């Protein structure tokens, strides 16, 4: 291993133990994450619920779970539950976009001001 490689490894380890100074770029990244995080959390949770509901409907149609539960005909309720889950999954993206756009409008002035400040320095 040559000295350049050793110096790189030393610097890499050393940066892990030094205090990082909080810069304006870090503040901009945090503000951007603050805008996106609620919309992402909602989309993950709501989409997962939709997928689970749709999977329950598919399970009723494709397996014998319904007969185990005492249902004579599982096709119609299974399709209905699957369509409900599919609808939840389909409306997830427009709701996500609505949440994200409203949060972007709310924080746009702060982000623009901070980004202009960083770019001018």
PDB file of N, CA and C in Angstrom:
ATOM      1  N   UNK A   1       0.853  -1.177   0.000  1.00  0.00           N
ATOM      2  CA  UNK A   1       0.000   0.000   0.000  1.00  0.00           C
ATOM      3  C   UNK A   1       0.892   1.231   0.000  1.00  0.00           C
ATOM      4  N   UNK A   2       0.631   2.116  -0.936  1.00  0.00           N
ATOM      5  CA  UNK A   2       1.476   3.309  -1.017  1.00  0.00           C
ATOM      6  C   UNK A   2       1.003   4.378  -0.038  1.00  0.00           C
ATOM      7  N   UNK A   3       1.748   5.439   0.064  1.00  0.00           N
ATOM      8  CA  UNK A   3       1.449   6.484   1.056  1.00  0.00           C
ATOM      9  C   UNK A   3       0.168   7.246   0.735  1.00  0.00           C
ATOM     10  N   UNK A   4      -0.158   7.383  -0.537  1.00  0.00           N
ATOM     11  CA  UNK A   4      -1.412   8.068  -0.880  1.00  0.00           C
ATOM     12  C   UNK A   4      -2.616   7.276  -0.389  1.00  0.00           C
ATOM     13  N   UNK A   5      -2.564   5.967  -0.544  1.00  0.00           N
ATOM     14  CA  UNK A   5      -3.658   5.123  -0.057  1.00  0.00           C
ATOM     15  C   UNK A   5      -3.751   5.181   1.464  1.00  0.00           C
ATOM     16  N   UNK A   6      -2.613   5.152   2.119  1.00  0.00           N
ATOM     17  CA  UNK A   6      -2.605   5.230   3.580  1.00  0.00           C
ATOM     18  C   UNK A   6      -3.162   6.564   4.056  1.00  0.00           C
ATOM     19  N   UNK A   7      -2.751   7.637   3.414  1.00  0.00           N
ATOM     20  CA  UNK A   7      -3.257   8.960   3.803  1.00  0.00           C
ATOM     21  C   UNK A   7      -4.758   9.066   3.581  1.00  0.00           C
ATOM     22  N   UNK A   8      -5.253   8.478   2.510  1.00  0.00           N
ATOM     23  CA  UNK A   8      -6.696   8.492   2.256  1.00  0.00           C
ATOM     24  C   UNK A   8      -7.449   7.749   3.352  1.00  0.00           C
ATOM     25  N   UNK A   9      -6.960   6.584   3.717  1.00  0.00           N
ATOM     26  CA  UNK A   9      -7.611   5.787   4.771  1.00  0.00           C
ATOM     27  C   UNK A   9      -7.549   6.524   6.100  1.00  0.00           C
ATOM     28  N   UNK A  10      -6.416   7.130   6.387  1.00  0.00           N
ATOM     29  CA  UNK A  10      -6.270   7.884   7.638  1.00  0.00           C
ATOM     30  C   UNK A  10      -7.263   9.039   7.676  1.00  0.00           C
ATOM     31  N   UNK A  11      -7.376   9.781   6.581  1.00  0.00           N
ATOM     32  CA  UNK A  11      -8.316  10.909   6.528  1.00  0.00           C
ATOM     33  C   UNK A  11      -9.763  10.432   6.653  1.00  0.00           C
ATOM     34  N   UNK A  12     -10.061   9.313   6.029  1.00  0.00           N
ATOM     35  CA  UNK A  12     -11.422   8.766   6.098  1.00  0.00           C
ATOM     36  C   UNK A  12     -11.783   8.388   7.530  1.00  0.00           C
ATOM     37  N   UNK A  13     -10.880   7.745   8.232  1.00  0.00           N
ATOM     38  CA  UNK A  13     -11.125   7.374   9.628  1.00  0.00           C
ATOM     39  C   UNK A  13     -11.169   8.618  10.506  1.00  0.00           C
ATOM     40  N   UNK A  14     -10.279   9.543  10.236  1.00  0.00           N
ATOM     41  CA  UNK A  14     -10.201  10.762  11.049  1.00  0.00           C
ATOM     42  C   UNK A  14     -11.488  11.586  10.965  1.00  0.00           C
ATOM     43  N   UNK A  15     -12.109  11.658   9.782  1.00  0.00           N
ATOM     44  CA  UNK A  15     -13.338  12.445   9.638  1.00  0.00           C
ATOM     45  C   UNK A  15     -14.495  11.862  10.428  1.00  0.00           C
ATOM     46  N   UNK A  16     -14.427  10.574  10.725  1.00  0.00           N
ATOM     47  CA  UNK A  16     -15.490   9.965  11.527  1.00  0.00           C
ATOM     48  C   UNK A  16     -15.459  10.436  12.973  1.00  0.00           C
ATOM     49  N   UNK A  17     -14.295  10.904  13.428  1.00  0.00           N
ATOM     50  CA  UNK A  17     -14.140  11.277  14.829  1.00  0.00           C
ATOM     51  C   UNK A  17     -14.060  12.778  15.061  1.00  0.00           C
ATOM     52  N   UNK A  18     -14.113  13.554  14.008  1.00  0.00           N
ATOM     53  CA  UNK A  18     -14.107  15.003  14.179  1.00  0.00           C
ATOM     54  C   UNK A  18     -15.531  15.525  14.103  1.00  0.00           C
ATOM     55  N   UNK A  19     -15.751  16.630  14.796  1.00  0.00           N
ATOM     56  CA  UNK A  19     -17.078  17.229  14.772  1.00  0.00           C
ATOM     57  C   UNK A  19     -17.331  17.875  13.423  1.00  0.00           C
ATOM     58  N   UNK A  20     -18.491  17.620  12.905  1.00  0.00           N
ATOM     59  CA  UNK A  20     -18.856  18.194  11.622  1.00  0.00           C
ATOM     60  C   UNK A  20     -19.534  19.539  11.868  1.00  0.00           C
ATOM     61  N   UNK A  21     -19.100  20.529  11.134  1.00  0.00           N
ATOM     62  CA  UNK A  21     -19.701  21.848  11.277  1.00  0.00           C
ATOM     63  C   UNK A  21     -20.995  21.890  10.474  1.00  0.00           C
ATOM     64  N   UNK A  22     -21.999  22.484  11.066  1.00  0.00           N
ATOM     65  CA  UNK A  22     -23.300  22.610  10.413  1.00  0.00           C
ATOM     66  C   UNK A  22     -23.242  23.765   9.420  1.00  0.00           C
ATOM     67  N   UNK A  23     -23.416  23.463   8.145  1.00  0.00           N
ATOM     68  CA  UNK A  23     -23.345  24.483   7.106  1.00  0.00           C
ATOM     69  C   UNK A  23     -24.743  24.842   6.617  1.00  0.00           C
ATOM     70  N   UNK A  24     -24.808  25.852   5.772  1.00  0.00           N
ATOM     71  CA  UNK A  24     -26.087  26.245   5.194  1.00  0.00           C
ATOM     72  C   UNK A  24     -26.609  25.184   4.238  1.00  0.00           C
ATOM     73  N   UNK A  25     -25.708  24.458   3.604  1.00  0.00           N
ATOM     74  CA  UNK A  25     -26.124  23.365   2.729  1.00  0.00           C
ATOM     75  C   UNK A  25     -26.806  22.256   3.534  1.00  0.00           C
ATOM     76  N   UNK A  26     -26.283  21.979   4.726  1.00  0.00           N
ATOM     77  CA  UNK A  26     -26.928  20.994   5.598  1.00  0.00           C
ATOM     78  C   UNK A  26     -28.323  21.461   6.002  1.00  0.00           C
ATOM     79  N   UNK A  27     -28.457  22.752   6.272  1.00  0.00           N
ATOM     80  CA  UNK A  27     -29.763  23.298   6.625  1.00  0.00           C
ATOM     81  C   UNK A  27     -30.737  23.188   5.453  1.00  0.00           C
ATOM     82  N   UNK A  28     -30.243  23.403   4.239  1.00  0.00           N
ATOM     83  CA  UNK A  28     -31.086  23.271   3.047  1.00  0.00           C
ATOM     84  C   UNK A  28     -31.532  21.829   2.843  1.00  0.00           C
ATOM     85  N   UNK A  29     -30.628  20.886   3.054  1.00  0.00           N
ATOM     86  CA  UNK A  29     -30.979  19.466   2.945  1.00  0.00           C
ATOM     87  C   UNK A  29     -32.021  19.067   3.990  1.00  0.00           C
ATOM     88  N   UNK A  30     -31.853  19.564   5.222  1.00  0.00           N
ATOM     89  CA  UNK A  30     -32.815  19.272   6.278  1.00  0.00           C
ATOM     90  C   UNK A  30     -34.187  19.853   5.958  1.00  0.00           C
ATOM     91  N   UNK A  31     -34.212  21.043   5.427  1.00  0.00           N
ATOM     92  CA  UNK A  31     -35.475  21.681   5.064  1.00  0.00           C
ATOM     93  C   UNK A  31     -36.155  20.919   3.926  1.00  0.00           C
ATOM     94  N   UNK A  32     -35.376  20.457   2.958  1.00  0.00           N
ATOM     95  CA  UNK A  32     -35.920  19.662   1.858  1.00  0.00           C
ATOM     96  C   UNK A  32     -36.489  18.341   2.384  1.00  0.00           C
ATOM     97  N   UNK A  33     -35.781  17.718   3.308  1.00  0.00           N
ATOM     98  CA  UNK A  33     -36.281  16.473   3.902  1.00  0.00           C
ATOM     99  C   UNK A  33     -37.550  16.724   4.713  1.00  0.00           C
ATOM    100  N   UNK A  34     -37.614  17.882   5.375  1.00  0.00           N
ATOM    101  CA  UNK A  34     -38.796  18.244   6.149  1.00  0.00           C
ATOM    102  C   UNK A  34     -40.020  18.395   5.258  1.00  0.00           C
ATOM    103  N   UNK A  35     -39.806  18.826   4.026  1.00  0.00           N
ATOM    104  CA  UNK A  35     -40.900  18.967   3.070  1.00  0.00           C
ATOM    105  C   UNK A  35     -41.368  17.590   2.598  1.00  0.00           C
ATOM    106  N   UNK A  36     -40.442  16.708   2.278  1.00  0.00           N
ATOM    107  CA  UNK A  36     -40.774  15.429   1.645  1.00  0.00           C
ATOM    108  C   UNK A  36     -41.166  14.321   2.614  1.00  0.00           C
ATOM    109  N   UNK A  37     -40.660  14.348   3.836  1.00  0.00           N
ATOM    110  CA  UNK A  37     -40.855  13.237   4.769  1.00  0.00           C
ATOM    111  C   UNK A  37     -42.325  12.903   5.052  1.00  0.00           C
ATOM    112  N   UNK A  38     -43.206  13.854   5.383  1.00  0.00           N
ATOM    113  CA  UNK A  38     -44.600  13.489   5.668  1.00  0.00           C
ATOM    114  C   UNK A  38     -45.312  12.847   4.475  1.00  0.00           C
ATOM    115  N   UNK A  39     -45.042  13.354   3.274  1.00  0.00           N
ATOM    116  CA  UNK A  39     -45.668  12.779   2.086  1.00  0.00           C
ATOM    117  C   UNK A  39     -45.174  11.359   1.847  1.00  0.00           C
ATOM    118  N   UNK A  40     -43.879  11.124   2.047  1.00  0.00           N
ATOM    119  CA  UNK A  40     -43.332   9.781   1.866  1.00  0.00           C
ATOM    120  C   UNK A  40     -43.881   8.803   2.890  1.00  0.00           C
ATOM    121  N   UNK A  41     -43.951   9.225   4.140  1.00  0.00           N
ATOM    122  CA  UNK A  41     -44.472   8.344   5.189  1.00  0.00           C
ATOM    123  C   UNK A  41     -45.921   7.981   4.896  1.00  0.00           C
ATOM    124  N   UNK A  42     -46.721   8.984   4.517  1.00  0.00           N
ATOM    125  CA  UNK A  42     -48.110   8.699   4.186  1.00  0.00           C
ATOM    126  C   UNK A  42     -48.202   7.715   3.030  1.00  0.00           C
ATOM    127  N   UNK A  43     -47.421   7.935   1.975  1.00  0.00           N
ATOM    128  CA  UNK A  43     -47.498   7.082   0.794  1.00  0.00           C
ATOM    129  C   UNK A  43     -47.104   5.649   1.117  1.00  0.00           C
ATOM    130  N   UNK A  44     -46.067   5.466   1.914  1.00  0.00           N
ATOM    131  CA  UNK A  44     -45.649   4.103   2.272  1.00  0.00           C
ATOM    132  C   UNK A  44     -46.729   3.390   3.080  1.00  0.00           C
ATOM    133  N   UNK A  45     -47.278   4.068   4.067  1.00  0.00           N
ATOM    134  CA  UNK A  45     -48.275   3.432   4.931  1.00  0.00           C
ATOM    135  C   UNK A  45     -49.570   3.175   4.167  1.00  0.00           C
ATOM    136  N   UNK A  46     -50.066   4.178   3.466  1.00  0.00           N
ATOM    137  CA  UNK A  46     -51.331   4.035   2.737  1.00  0.00           C
ATOM    138  C   UNK A  46     -51.205   3.010   1.616  1.00  0.00           C
ATOM    139  N   UNK A  47     -50.078   3.001   0.910  1.00  0.00           N
ATOM    140  CA  UNK A  47     -49.851   2.020  -0.142  1.00  0.00           C
ATOM    141  C   UNK A  47     -49.752   0.608   0.402  1.00  0.00           C
ATOM    142  N   UNK A  48     -49.113   0.457   1.550  1.00  0.00           N
ATOM    143  CA  UNK A  48     -49.016  -0.862   2.177  1.00  0.00           C
ATOM    144  C   UNK A  48     -50.386  -1.374   2.602  1.00  0.00           C
ATOM    145  N   UNK A  49     -51.205  -0.487   3.134  1.00  0.00           N
ATOM    146  CA  UNK A  49     -52.562  -0.878   3.513  1.00  0.00           C
ATOM    147  C   UNK A  49     -53.344  -1.321   2.285  1.00  0.00           C
ATOM    148  N   UNK A  50     -53.222  -0.579   1.207  1.00  0.00           N
ATOM    149  CA  UNK A  50     -53.900  -0.951  -0.035  1.00  0.00           C
ATOM    150  C   UNK A  50     -53.442  -2.297  -0.551  1.00  0.00           C
ATOM    151  N   UNK A  51     -52.138  -2.552  -0.490  1.00  0.00           N
ATOM    152  CA  UNK A  51     -51.612  -3.835  -0.956  1.00  0.00           C
ATOM    153  C   UNK A  51     -52.093  -4.987  -0.076  1.00  0.00           C
ATOM    154  N   UNK A  52     -52.167  -4.754   1.219  1.00  0.00           N
ATOM    155  CA  UNK A  52     -52.636  -5.811   2.132  1.00  0.00           C
ATOM    156  C   UNK A  52     -54.111  -6.099   1.887  1.00  0.00           C
ATOM    157  N   UNK A  53     -54.914  -5.062   1.732  1.00  0.00           N
ATOM    158  CA  UNK A  53     -56.340  -5.262   1.472  1.00  0.00           C
ATOM    159  C   UNK A  53     -56.538  -5.997   0.151  1.00  0.00           C
ATOM    160  N   UNK A  54     -55.803  -5.585  -0.881  1.00  0.00           N
ATOM    161  CA  UNK A  54     -55.920  -6.255  -2.171  1.00  0.00           C
ATOM    162  C   UNK A  54     -55.471  -7.712  -2.064  1.00  0.00           C
ATOM    163  N   UNK A  55     -54.425  -7.971  -1.292  1.00  0.00           N
ATOM    164  CA  UNK A  55     -53.962  -9.341  -1.079  1.00  0.00           C
ATOM    165  C   UNK A  55     -54.979 -10.196  -0.347  1.00  0.00           C
ATOM    166  N   UNK A  56     -55.705  -9.587   0.593  1.00  0.00           N
ATOM    167  CA  UNK A  56     -56.765 -10.333   1.296  1.00  0.00           C
ATOM    168  C   UNK A  56     -57.865 -10.739   0.317  1.00  0.00           C
ATOM    169  N   UNK A  57     -58.233  -9.841  -0.563  1.00  0.00           N
ATOM    170  CA  UNK A  57     -59.239 -10.173  -1.566  1.00  0.00           C
ATOM    171  C   UNK A  57     -58.766 -11.269  -2.501  1.00  0.00           C
ATOM    172  N   UNK A  58     -57.514 -11.187  -2.900  1.00  0.00           N
ATOM    173  CA  UNK A  58     -56.964 -12.223  -3.773  1.00  0.00           C
ATOM    174  C   UNK A  58     -56.906 -13.568  -3.063  1.00  0.00           C
ATOM    175  N   UNK A  59     -56.597 -13.540  -1.785  1.00  0.00           N
ATOM    176  CA  UNK A  59     -56.539 -14.787  -1.019  1.00  0.00           C
ATOM    177  C   UNK A  59     -57.915 -15.434  -0.910  1.00  0.00           C
ATOM    178  N   UNK A  60     -58.937 -14.615  -0.764  1.00  0.00           N
ATOM    179  CA  UNK A  60     -60.289 -15.167  -0.713  1.00  0.00           C
ATOM    180  C   UNK A  60     -60.657 -15.840  -2.029  1.00  0.00           C
ATOM    181  N   UNK A  61     -60.258 -15.246  -3.124  1.00  0.00           N
ATOM    182  CA  UNK A  61     -60.604 -15.791  -4.437  1.00  0.00           C
ATOM    183  C   UNK A  61     -59.780 -17.032  -4.755  1.00  0.00           C
ATOM    184  N   UNK A  62     -58.509 -17.010  -4.456  1.00  0.00           N
ATOM    185  CA  UNK A  62     -57.599 -18.035  -4.960  1.00  0.00           C
ATOM    186  C   UNK A  62     -57.334 -19.197  -4.010  1.00  0.00           C
ATOM    187  N   UNK A  63     -57.690 -19.070  -2.749  1.00  0.00           N
ATOM    188  CA  UNK A  63     -57.405 -20.147  -1.796  1.00  0.00           C
ATOM    189  C   UNK A  63     -58.696 -20.600  -1.134  1.00  0.00           C
ATOM    190  N   UNK A  64     -58.563 -21.526  -0.216  1.00  0.00           N
ATOM    191  CA  UNK A  64     -59.737 -22.041   0.488  1.00  0.00           C
ATOM    192  C   UNK A  64     -59.899 -21.412   1.874  1.00  0.00           C
ATOM    193  N   UNK A  65     -59.349 -20.229   2.072  1.00  0.00           N
ATOM    194  CA  UNK A  65     -59.484 -19.538   3.357  1.00  0.00           C
ATOM    195  C   UNK A  65     -60.945 -19.208   3.630  1.00  0.00           C
ATOM    196  N   UNK A  66     -61.671 -18.800   2.598  1.00  0.00           N
ATOM    197  CA  UNK A  66     -63.090 -18.462   2.772  1.00  0.00           C
ATOM    198  C   UNK A  66     -63.916 -19.642   3.226  1.00  0.00           C
ATOM    199  N   UNK A  67     -63.655 -20.815   2.672  1.00  0.00           N
ATOM    200  CA  UNK A  67     -64.408 -21.998   3.108  1.00  0.00           C
ATOM    201  C   UNK A  67     -64.027 -22.381   4.529  1.00  0.00           C
ATOM    202  N   UNK A  68     -62.789 -22.134   4.917  1.00  0.00           N
ATOM    203  CA  UNK A  68     -62.372 -22.390   6.295  1.00  0.00           C
ATOM    204  C   UNK A  68     -63.098 -21.450   7.249  1.00  0.00           C
ATOM    205  N   UNK A  69     -63.363 -20.241   6.787  1.00  0.00           N
ATOM    206  CA  UNK A  69     -64.082 -19.266   7.599  1.00  0.00           C
ATOM    207  C   UNK A  69     -65.596 -19.482   7.573  1.00  0.00           C
ATOM    208  N   UNK A  70     -66.055 -20.402   6.721  1.00  0.00           N
ATOM    209  CA  UNK A  70     -67.478 -20.709   6.659  1.00  0.00           C
ATOM    210  C   UNK A  70     -68.220 -19.979   5.566  1.00  0.00           C
ATOM    211  N   UNK A  71     -67.530 -19.425   4.610  1.00  0.00           N
ATOM    212  CA  UNK A  71     -68.179 -18.726   3.508  1.00  0.00           C
ATOM    213  C   UNK A  71     -68.428 -19.723   2.374  1.00  0.00           C
ATOM    214  N   UNK A  72     -69.638 -19.717   1.862  1.00  0.00           N
ATOM    215  CA  UNK A  72     -69.976 -20.647   0.790  1.00  0.00           C
ATOM    216  C   UNK A  72     -69.380 -20.189  -0.539  1.00  0.00           C
ATOM    217  N   UNK A  73     -69.591 -18.942  -0.901  1.00  0.00           N
ATOM    218  CA  UNK A  73     -69.090 -18.418  -2.159  1.00  0.00           C
ATOM    219  C   UNK A  73     -68.103 -17.285  -1.849  1.00  0.00           C
ATOM    220  N   UNK A  74     -66.833 -17.490  -2.157  1.00  0.00           N
ATOM    221  CA  UNK A  74     -65.820 -16.487  -1.820  1.00  0.00           C
ATOM    222  C   UNK A  74     -65.440 -15.598  -3.004  1.00  0.00           C
ATOM    223  N   UNK A  75     -65.941 -15.907  -4.171  1.00  0.00           N
ATOM    224  CA  UNK A  75     -65.539 -15.170  -5.371  1.00  0.00           C
ATOM    225  C   UNK A  75     -65.982 -13.706  -5.318  1.00  0.00           C
ATOM    226  N   UNK A  76     -67.256 -13.464  -5.071  1.00  0.00           N
ATOM    227  CA  UNK A  76     -67.773 -12.097  -5.091  1.00  0.00           C
ATOM    228  C   UNK A  76     -67.188 -11.233  -3.969  1.00  0.00           C
ATOM    229  N   UNK A  77     -67.167 -11.702  -2.706  1.00  0.00           N
ATOM    230  CA  UNK A  77     -66.534 -10.860  -1.676  1.00  0.00           C
ATOM    231  C   UNK A  77     -65.033 -10.670  -1.908  1.00  0.00           C
ATOM    232  N   UNK A  78     -64.369 -11.682  -2.439  1.00  0.00           N
ATOM    233  CA  UNK A  78     -62.939 -11.569  -2.703  1.00  0.00           C
ATOM    234  C   UNK A  78     -62.647 -10.530  -3.768  1.00  0.00           C
ATOM    235  N   UNK A  79     -63.444 -10.521  -4.820  1.00  0.00           N
ATOM    236  CA  UNK A  79     -63.261  -9.523  -5.874  1.00  0.00           C
ATOM    237  C   UNK A  79     -63.563  -8.127  -5.338  1.00  0.00           C
ATOM    238  N   UNK A  80     -64.617  -7.998  -4.540  1.00  0.00           N
ATOM    239  CA  UNK A  80     -64.970  -6.692  -3.983  1.00  0.00           C
ATOM    240  C   UNK A  80     -63.863  -6.159  -3.076  1.00  0.00           C
ATOM    241  N   UNK A  81     -63.322  -7.020  -2.226  1.00  0.00           N
ATOM    242  CA  UNK A  81     -62.239  -6.595  -1.325  1.00  0.00           C
ATOM    243  C   UNK A  81     -60.991  -6.261  -2.132  1.00  0.00           C
ATOM    244  N   UNK A  82     -60.700  -7.054  -3.165  1.00  0.00           N
ATOM    245  CA  UNK A  82     -59.549  -6.775  -4.017  1.00  0.00           C
ATOM    246  C   UNK A  82     -59.673  -5.455  -4.751  1.00  0.00           C
ATOM    247  N   UNK A  83     -60.874  -5.136  -5.219  1.00  0.00           N
ATOM    248  CA  UNK A  83     -61.097  -3.861  -5.924  1.00  0.00           C
ATOM    249  C   UNK A  83     -60.929  -2.687  -4.958  1.00  0.00           C
ATOM    250  N   UNK A  84     -61.388  -2.862  -3.716  1.00  0.00           N
ATOM    251  CA  UNK A  84     -61.197  -1.803  -2.717  1.00  0.00           C
ATOM    252  C   UNK A  84     -59.701  -1.573  -2.486  1.00  0.00           C
ATOM    253  N   UNK A  85     -58.938  -2.653  -2.333  1.00  0.00           N
ATOM    254  CA  UNK A  85     -57.489  -2.523  -2.154  1.00  0.00           C
ATOM    255  C   UNK A  85     -56.809  -1.899  -3.354  1.00  0.00           C
ATOM    256  N   UNK A  86     -57.249  -2.280  -4.543  1.00  0.00           N
ATOM    257  CA  UNK A  86     -56.690  -1.704  -5.765  1.00  0.00           C
ATOM    258  C   UNK A  86     -57.002  -0.210  -5.853  1.00  0.00           C
ATOM    259  N   UNK A  87     -58.214   0.167  -5.462  1.00  0.00           N
ATOM    260  CA  UNK A  87     -58.593   1.586  -5.471  1.00  0.00           C
ATOM    261  C   UNK A  87     -57.724   2.375  -4.496  1.00  0.00           C
ATOM    262  N   UNK A  88     -57.483   1.812  -3.323  1.00  0.00           N
ATOM    263  CA  UNK A  88     -56.612   2.481  -2.345  1.00  0.00           C
ATOM    264  C   UNK A  88     -55.217   2.671  -2.939  1.00  0.00           C
ATOM    265  N   UNK A  89     -54.701   1.636  -3.586  1.00  0.00           N
ATOM    266  CA  UNK A  89     -53.372   1.730  -4.182  1.00  0.00           C
ATOM    267  C   UNK A  89     -53.342   2.747  -5.327  1.00  0.00           C
ATOM    268  N   UNK A  90     -54.413   2.836  -6.089  1.00  0.00           N
ATOM    269  CA  UNK A  90     -54.446   3.768  -7.216  1.00  0.00           C
ATOM    270  C   UNK A  90     -54.553   5.227  -6.781  1.00  0.00           C
ATOM    271  N   UNK A  91     -55.303   5.508  -5.723  1.00  0.00           N
ATOM    272  CA  UNK A  91     -55.448   6.901  -5.292  1.00  0.00           C
ATOM    273  C   UNK A  91     -54.280   7.347  -4.415  1.00  0.00           C
ATOM    274  N   UNK A  92     -53.405   6.426  -4.071  1.00  0.00           N
ATOM    275  CA  UNK A  92     -52.267   6.763  -3.224  1.00  0.00           C
ATOM    276  C   UNK A  92     -51.377   7.824  -3.881  1.00  0.00           C
ATOM    277  N   UNK A  93     -51.062   7.658  -5.148  1.00  0.00           N
ATOM    278  CA  UNK A  93     -50.152   8.589  -5.815  1.00  0.00           C
ATOM    279  C   UNK A  93     -50.724  10.004  -5.947  1.00  0.00           C
ATOM    280  N   UNK A  94     -51.988  10.173  -6.349  1.00  0.00           N
ATOM    281  CA  UNK A  94     -52.518  11.547  -6.379  1.00  0.00           C
ATOM    282  C   UNK A  94     -52.564  12.212  -4.996  1.00  0.00           C
ATOM    283  N   UNK A  95     -52.869  11.435  -3.971  1.00  0.00           N
ATOM    284  CA  UNK A  95     -52.865  12.010  -2.619  1.00  0.00           C
ATOM    285  C   UNK A  95     -51.448  12.398  -2.221  1.00  0.00           C
ATOM    286  N   UNK A  96     -50.483  11.546  -2.531  1.00  0.00           N
ATOM    287  CA  UNK A  96     -49.070  11.845  -2.258  1.00  0.00           C
ATOM    288  C   UNK A  96     -48.663  13.147  -2.945  1.00  0.00           C
ATOM    289  N   UNK A  97     -49.015  13.284  -4.218  1.00  0.00           N
ATOM    290  CA  UNK A  97     -48.676  14.511  -4.948  1.00  0.00           C
ATOM    291  C   UNK A  97     -49.343  15.738  -4.329  1.00  0.00           C
ATOM    292  N   UNK A  98     -50.573  15.586  -3.858  1.00  0.00           N
ATOM    293  CA  UNK A  98     -51.262  16.699  -3.214  1.00  0.00           C
ATOM    294  C   UNK A  98     -50.579  17.133  -1.928  1.00  0.00           C
ATOM    295  N   UNK A  99     -50.200  16.163  -1.113  1.00  0.00           N
ATOM    296  CA  UNK A  99     -49.502  16.480   0.138  1.00  0.00           C
ATOM    297  C   UNK A  99     -48.171  17.145  -0.163  1.00  0.00           C
ATOM    298  N   UNK A 100     -47.431  16.572  -1.124  1.00  0.00           N
ATOM    299  CA  UNK A 100     -46.112  17.110  -1.455  1.00  0.00           C
ATOM    300  C   UNK A 100     -46.207  18.519  -2.026  1.00  0.00           C
ATOM    301  N   UNK A 101     -47.169  18.772  -2.895  1.00  0.00           N
ATOM    302  CA  UNK A 101     -47.277  20.111  -3.483  1.00  0.00           C
ATOM    303  C   UNK A 101     -47.707  21.144  -2.445  1.00  0.00           C
ATOM    304  N   UNK A 102     -48.580  20.761  -1.522  1.00  0.00           N
ATOM    305  CA  UNK A 102     -48.978  21.729  -0.492  1.00  0.00           C
ATOM    306  C   UNK A 102     -47.813  22.051   0.438  1.00  0.00           C
ATOM    307  N   UNK A 103     -46.991  21.055   0.748  1.00  0.00           N
ATOM    308  CA  UNK A 103     -45.823  21.307   1.602  1.00  0.00           C
ATOM    309  C   UNK A 103     -44.760  22.101   0.846  1.00  0.00           C
ATOM    310  N   UNK A 104     -44.638  21.869  -0.455  1.00  0.00           N
ATOM    311  CA  UNK A 104     -43.692  22.667  -1.243  1.00  0.00           C
ATOM    312  C   UNK A 104     -44.104  24.127  -1.267  1.00  0.00           C
ATOM    313  N   UNK A 105     -45.399  24.385  -1.412  1.00  0.00           N
ATOM    314  CA  UNK A 105     -45.890  25.771  -1.393  1.00  0.00           C
ATOM    315  C   UNK A 105     -45.623  26.418  -0.046  1.00  0.00           C
ATOM    316  N   UNK A 106     -45.791  25.627   1.024  1.00  0.00           N
ATOM    317  CA  UNK A 106     -45.622  26.151   2.372  1.00  0.00           C
ATOM    318  C   UNK A 106     -44.171  26.551   2.642  1.00  0.00           C
ATOM    319  N   UNK A 107     -43.219  25.756   2.159  1.00  0.00           N
ATOM    320  CA  UNK A 107     -41.813  25.993   2.461  1.00  0.00           C
ATOM    321  C   UNK A 107     -41.022  26.596   1.299  1.00  0.00           C
ATOM    322  N   UNK A 108     -41.671  26.942   0.213  1.00  0.00           N
ATOM    323  CA  UNK A 108     -40.967  27.413  -0.980  1.00  0.00           C
ATOM    324  C   UNK A 108     -40.153  28.669  -0.704  1.00  0.00           C
ATOM    325  N   UNK A 109     -40.721  29.628  -0.002  1.00  0.00           N
ATOM    326  CA  UNK A 109     -40.006  30.883   0.252  1.00  0.00           C
ATOM    327  C   UNK A 109     -38.732  30.639   1.056  1.00  0.00           C
ATOM    328  N   UNK A 110     -38.821  29.783   2.078  1.00  0.00           N
ATOM    329  CA  UNK A 110     -37.650  29.496   2.905  1.00  0.00           C
ATOM    330  C   UNK A 110     -36.554  28.798   2.098  1.00  0.00           C
ATOM    331  N   UNK A 111     -36.951  27.836   1.289  1.00  0.00           N
ATOM    332  CA  UNK A 111     -35.972  27.082   0.506  1.00  0.00           C
ATOM    333  C   UNK A 111     -35.331  27.973  -0.561  1.00  0.00           C
ATOM    334  N   UNK A 112     -36.133  28.771  -1.237  1.00  0.00           N
ATOM    335  CA  UNK A 112     -35.599  29.674  -2.259  1.00  0.00           C
ATOM    336  C   UNK A 112     -34.640  30.689  -1.633  1.00  0.00           C
ATOM    337  N   UNK A 113     -35.026  31.253  -0.493  1.00  0.00           N
ATOM    338  CA  UNK A 113     -34.166  32.238   0.168  1.00  0.00           C
ATOM    339  C   UNK A 113     -32.845  31.617   0.606  1.00  0.00           C
ATOM    340  N   UNK A 114     -32.898  30.436   1.181  1.00  0.00           N
ATOM    341  CA  UNK A 114     -31.680  29.778   1.637  1.00  0.00           C
ATOM    342  C   UNK A 114     -30.800  29.343   0.472  1.00  0.00           C
ATOM    343  N   UNK A 115     -31.418  28.846  -0.594  1.00  0.00           N
ATOM    344  CA  UNK A 115     -30.625  28.436  -1.758  1.00  0.00           C
ATOM    345  C   UNK A 115     -29.989  29.648  -2.455  1.00  0.00           C
ATOM    346  N   UNK A 116     -30.715  30.751  -2.509  1.00  0.00           N
ATOM    347  CA  UNK A 116     -30.130  31.976  -3.088  1.00  0.00           C
ATOM    348  C   UNK A 116     -28.954  32.452  -2.251  1.00  0.00           C
ATOM    349  N   UNK A 117     -29.108  32.361  -0.943  1.00  0.00           N
ATOM    350  CA  UNK A 117     -28.039  32.781  -0.034  1.00  0.00           C
ATOM    351  C   UNK A 117     -26.797  31.918  -0.234  1.00  0.00           C
ATOM    352  N   UNK A 118     -26.990  30.619  -0.418  1.00  0.00           N
ATOM    353  CA  UNK A 118     -25.849  29.710  -0.627  1.00  0.00           C
ATOM    354  C   UNK A 118     -25.194  29.973  -1.980  1.00  0.00           C
ATOM    355  N   UNK A 119     -26.005  30.173  -2.996  1.00  0.00           N
ATOM    356  CA  UNK A 119     -25.463  30.360  -4.345  1.00  0.00           C
ATOM    357  C   UNK A 119     -24.732  31.694  -4.489  1.00  0.00           C
ATOM    358  N   UNK A 120     -25.133  32.716  -3.758  1.00  0.00           N
ATOM    359  CA  UNK A 120     -24.503  34.020  -3.871  1.00  0.00           C
ATOM    360  C   UNK A 120     -23.192  34.099  -3.101  1.00  0.00           C
ATOM    361  N   UNK A 121     -22.982  33.212  -2.168  1.00  0.00           N
ATOM    362  CA  UNK A 121     -21.724  33.233  -1.381  1.00  0.00           C
ATOM    363  C   UNK A 121     -20.617  32.537  -2.079  1.00  0.00           C
TER     364      UNK A 121
END
